């Protein structure tokens, strides 16, 4: 096993968890190692449990959920980090189905309920956070807003 590559991989993992693809991409950029050596190190790390896309996906989902992101933003983040879609379903199942988070975001962002421009801006901001237009509309209705003019 290429010890320089192994040490570099362990060093990167000591800072934060990575997906297999993230770590592979970083090691390719930082070293000039053969693909066979890279695969050997990645497989070794998986065997030891230092590299696990399933648990990493769950961690990404928990972190994004705690920041108030919606499902589409979370799935985009999973994709960006190179996590295989086979690990998404179980990780996404951990997302609570309550509407409290979205309602709190609407209440915190919406200052003037009568100002249609502000309602549109808040709605657009929440859609960028990964919520659907329908989820946002329902949340605004729940907090007492009529959003017929979307």
Protein backbone atom coordinates (compact mmCIF):
# COMPACT_ATOMS: atom_id res chain seq x y z
CA UNK A 1 0.00 0.00 0.00
CA UNK A 2 1.21 3.49 -0.83
CA UNK A 3 2.01 4.89 2.64
CA UNK A 4 2.24 8.50 1.48
CA UNK A 5 -1.23 8.29 -0.03
CA UNK A 6 -2.58 6.47 3.02
CA UNK A 7 -1.18 9.12 5.37
CA UNK A 8 -2.59 11.94 3.23
CA UNK A 9 -6.03 10.29 3.22
CA UNK A 10 -5.98 9.80 7.00
CA UNK A 11 -4.90 13.40 7.46
CA UNK A 12 -7.82 14.66 5.35
CA UNK A 13 -10.26 12.46 7.26
CA UNK A 14 -8.91 13.77 10.57
CA UNK A 15 -10.31 17.21 9.71
CA UNK A 16 -13.80 16.08 8.69
CA UNK A 17 -15.69 13.16 7.22
CA UNK A 18 -15.74 12.81 3.43
CA UNK A 19 -17.65 10.79 0.91
CA UNK A 20 -15.65 8.30 -1.11
CA UNK A 21 -15.82 10.53 -4.18
CA UNK A 22 -14.85 13.68 -2.27
CA UNK A 23 -11.81 11.99 -0.78
CA UNK A 24 -10.86 10.43 -4.10
CA UNK A 25 -11.09 13.78 -5.88
CA UNK A 26 -9.01 15.54 -3.23
CA UNK A 27 -6.32 12.87 -3.26
CA UNK A 28 -6.15 12.95 -7.06
CA UNK A 29 -5.62 16.73 -6.95
CA UNK A 30 -3.01 16.62 -4.19
CA UNK A 31 -0.99 13.59 -5.26
CA UNK A 32 0.13 11.98 -8.47
CA UNK A 33 -0.66 8.41 -7.54
CA UNK A 34 -1.84 5.59 -9.78
CA UNK A 35 -5.57 4.86 -9.72
CA UNK A 36 -4.87 1.35 -8.45
CA UNK A 37 -3.11 2.71 -5.35
CA UNK A 38 -5.94 5.15 -4.76
CA UNK A 39 -8.57 2.41 -4.95
CA UNK A 40 -6.54 0.25 -2.59
CA UNK A 41 -6.35 3.05 0.01
CA UNK A 42 -10.06 3.91 -0.35
CA UNK A 43 -11.05 0.26 0.05
CA UNK A 44 -8.79 -0.05 3.09
CA UNK A 45 -10.40 3.03 4.67
CA UNK A 46 -13.87 1.59 4.02
CA UNK A 47 -12.89 -1.74 5.60
CA UNK A 48 -11.70 0.11 8.71
CA UNK A 49 -14.90 2.16 8.83
CA UNK A 50 -13.15 5.51 8.36
CA UNK A 51 -14.94 6.03 5.04
CA UNK A 52 -18.64 5.22 4.97
CA UNK A 53 -20.97 6.94 2.52
CA UNK A 54 -24.08 5.64 4.29
CA UNK A 55 -23.26 7.27 7.63
CA UNK A 56 -21.87 10.33 5.87
CA UNK A 57 -25.17 10.77 4.00
CA UNK A 58 -27.07 10.63 7.30
CA UNK A 59 -24.69 13.21 8.76
CA UNK A 60 -25.17 15.56 5.80
CA UNK A 61 -28.96 15.25 6.10
CA UNK A 62 -28.92 15.93 9.85
CA UNK A 63 -26.69 18.97 9.39
CA UNK A 64 -28.76 20.43 6.54
CA UNK A 65 -32.01 19.78 8.41
CA UNK A 66 -30.68 21.57 11.48
CA UNK A 67 -29.93 24.58 9.28
CA UNK A 68 -33.54 24.64 8.06
CA UNK A 69 -33.01 23.39 4.51
CA UNK A 70 -35.72 21.67 2.52
CA UNK A 71 -35.60 18.34 0.74
CA UNK A 72 -34.52 19.62 -2.67
CA UNK A 73 -31.59 21.56 -1.20
CA UNK A 74 -30.58 18.51 0.85
CA UNK A 75 -30.68 16.18 -2.15
CA UNK A 76 -28.63 18.69 -4.14
CA UNK A 77 -26.06 18.70 -1.34
CA UNK A 78 -25.94 14.89 -1.28
CA UNK A 79 -25.39 14.88 -5.02
CA UNK A 80 -22.73 17.60 -4.87
CA UNK A 81 -20.79 15.61 -2.29
CA UNK A 82 -20.83 12.55 -4.53
CA UNK A 83 -22.92 10.30 -2.33
CA UNK A 84 -24.53 7.48 -4.29
CA UNK A 85 -28.32 7.71 -4.53
CA UNK A 86 -28.64 4.26 -2.96
CA UNK A 87 -27.79 5.87 0.39
CA UNK A 88 -30.21 8.79 0.06
CA UNK A 89 -33.51 7.11 0.95
CA UNK A 90 -32.47 5.91 4.38
CA UNK A 91 -30.78 9.22 5.19
CA UNK A 92 -33.75 11.29 3.97
CA UNK A 93 -36.12 9.15 6.03
CA UNK A 94 -34.57 10.76 9.12
CA UNK A 95 -36.01 14.16 8.22
CA UNK A 96 -38.87 15.00 10.59
CA UNK A 97 -42.17 15.58 8.84
CA UNK A 98 -43.31 18.44 11.02
CA UNK A 99 -43.97 21.85 9.54
CA UNK A 100 -42.66 23.76 12.55
CA UNK A 101 -39.29 24.55 10.98
CA UNK A 102 -40.77 26.07 7.86
CA UNK A 103 -43.39 27.97 9.88
CA UNK A 104 -40.65 29.40 12.12
CA UNK A 105 -38.68 30.48 9.06
CA UNK A 106 -41.73 32.21 7.60
CA UNK A 107 -42.42 34.00 10.89
CA UNK A 108 -38.81 35.11 11.24
CA UNK A 109 -38.46 36.40 7.69
CA UNK A 110 -41.87 37.94 7.03
CA UNK A 111 -42.11 41.37 8.66
CA UNK A 112 -45.07 42.93 6.85
CA UNK A 113 -47.81 40.50 5.96
CA UNK A 114 -49.59 43.09 3.80
CA UNK A 115 -46.61 43.78 1.59
CA UNK A 116 -46.92 41.45 -1.43
CA UNK A 117 -43.38 42.17 -2.57
CA UNK A 118 -42.08 41.04 0.79
CA UNK A 119 -44.23 37.89 0.66
CA UNK A 120 -42.76 37.11 -2.78
CA UNK A 121 -39.20 37.75 -1.59
CA UNK A 122 -39.66 35.55 1.47
CA UNK A 123 -41.23 32.85 -0.68
CA UNK A 124 -38.36 32.95 -3.16
CA UNK A 125 -35.80 32.80 -0.34
CA UNK A 126 -37.49 29.71 1.11
CA UNK A 127 -37.61 28.03 -2.29
CA UNK A 128 -33.86 28.64 -2.58
CA UNK A 129 -33.49 26.93 0.80
CA UNK A 130 -34.98 23.82 -0.80
CA UNK A 131 -38.70 24.03 -0.07
CA UNK A 132 -41.30 23.69 -2.81
CA UNK A 133 -43.61 26.56 -3.75
CA UNK A 134 -46.51 24.52 -2.43
CA UNK A 135 -44.85 23.93 0.95
CA UNK A 136 -44.06 27.64 1.22
CA UNK A 137 -47.59 28.65 0.25
CA UNK A 138 -49.08 26.33 2.87
CA UNK A 139 -46.68 27.63 5.52
CA UNK A 140 -47.59 31.22 4.75
CA UNK A 141 -51.27 30.31 4.92
CA UNK A 142 -50.67 28.59 8.28
CA UNK A 143 -49.18 31.75 9.70
CA UNK A 144 -52.16 33.74 8.53
CA UNK A 145 -51.24 34.94 5.07
CA UNK A 146 -53.35 34.87 1.92
CA UNK A 147 -50.96 34.12 -0.95
CA UNK A 148 -53.32 34.01 -3.89
CA UNK A 149 -51.20 36.52 -5.78
CA UNK A 150 -48.08 34.37 -6.14
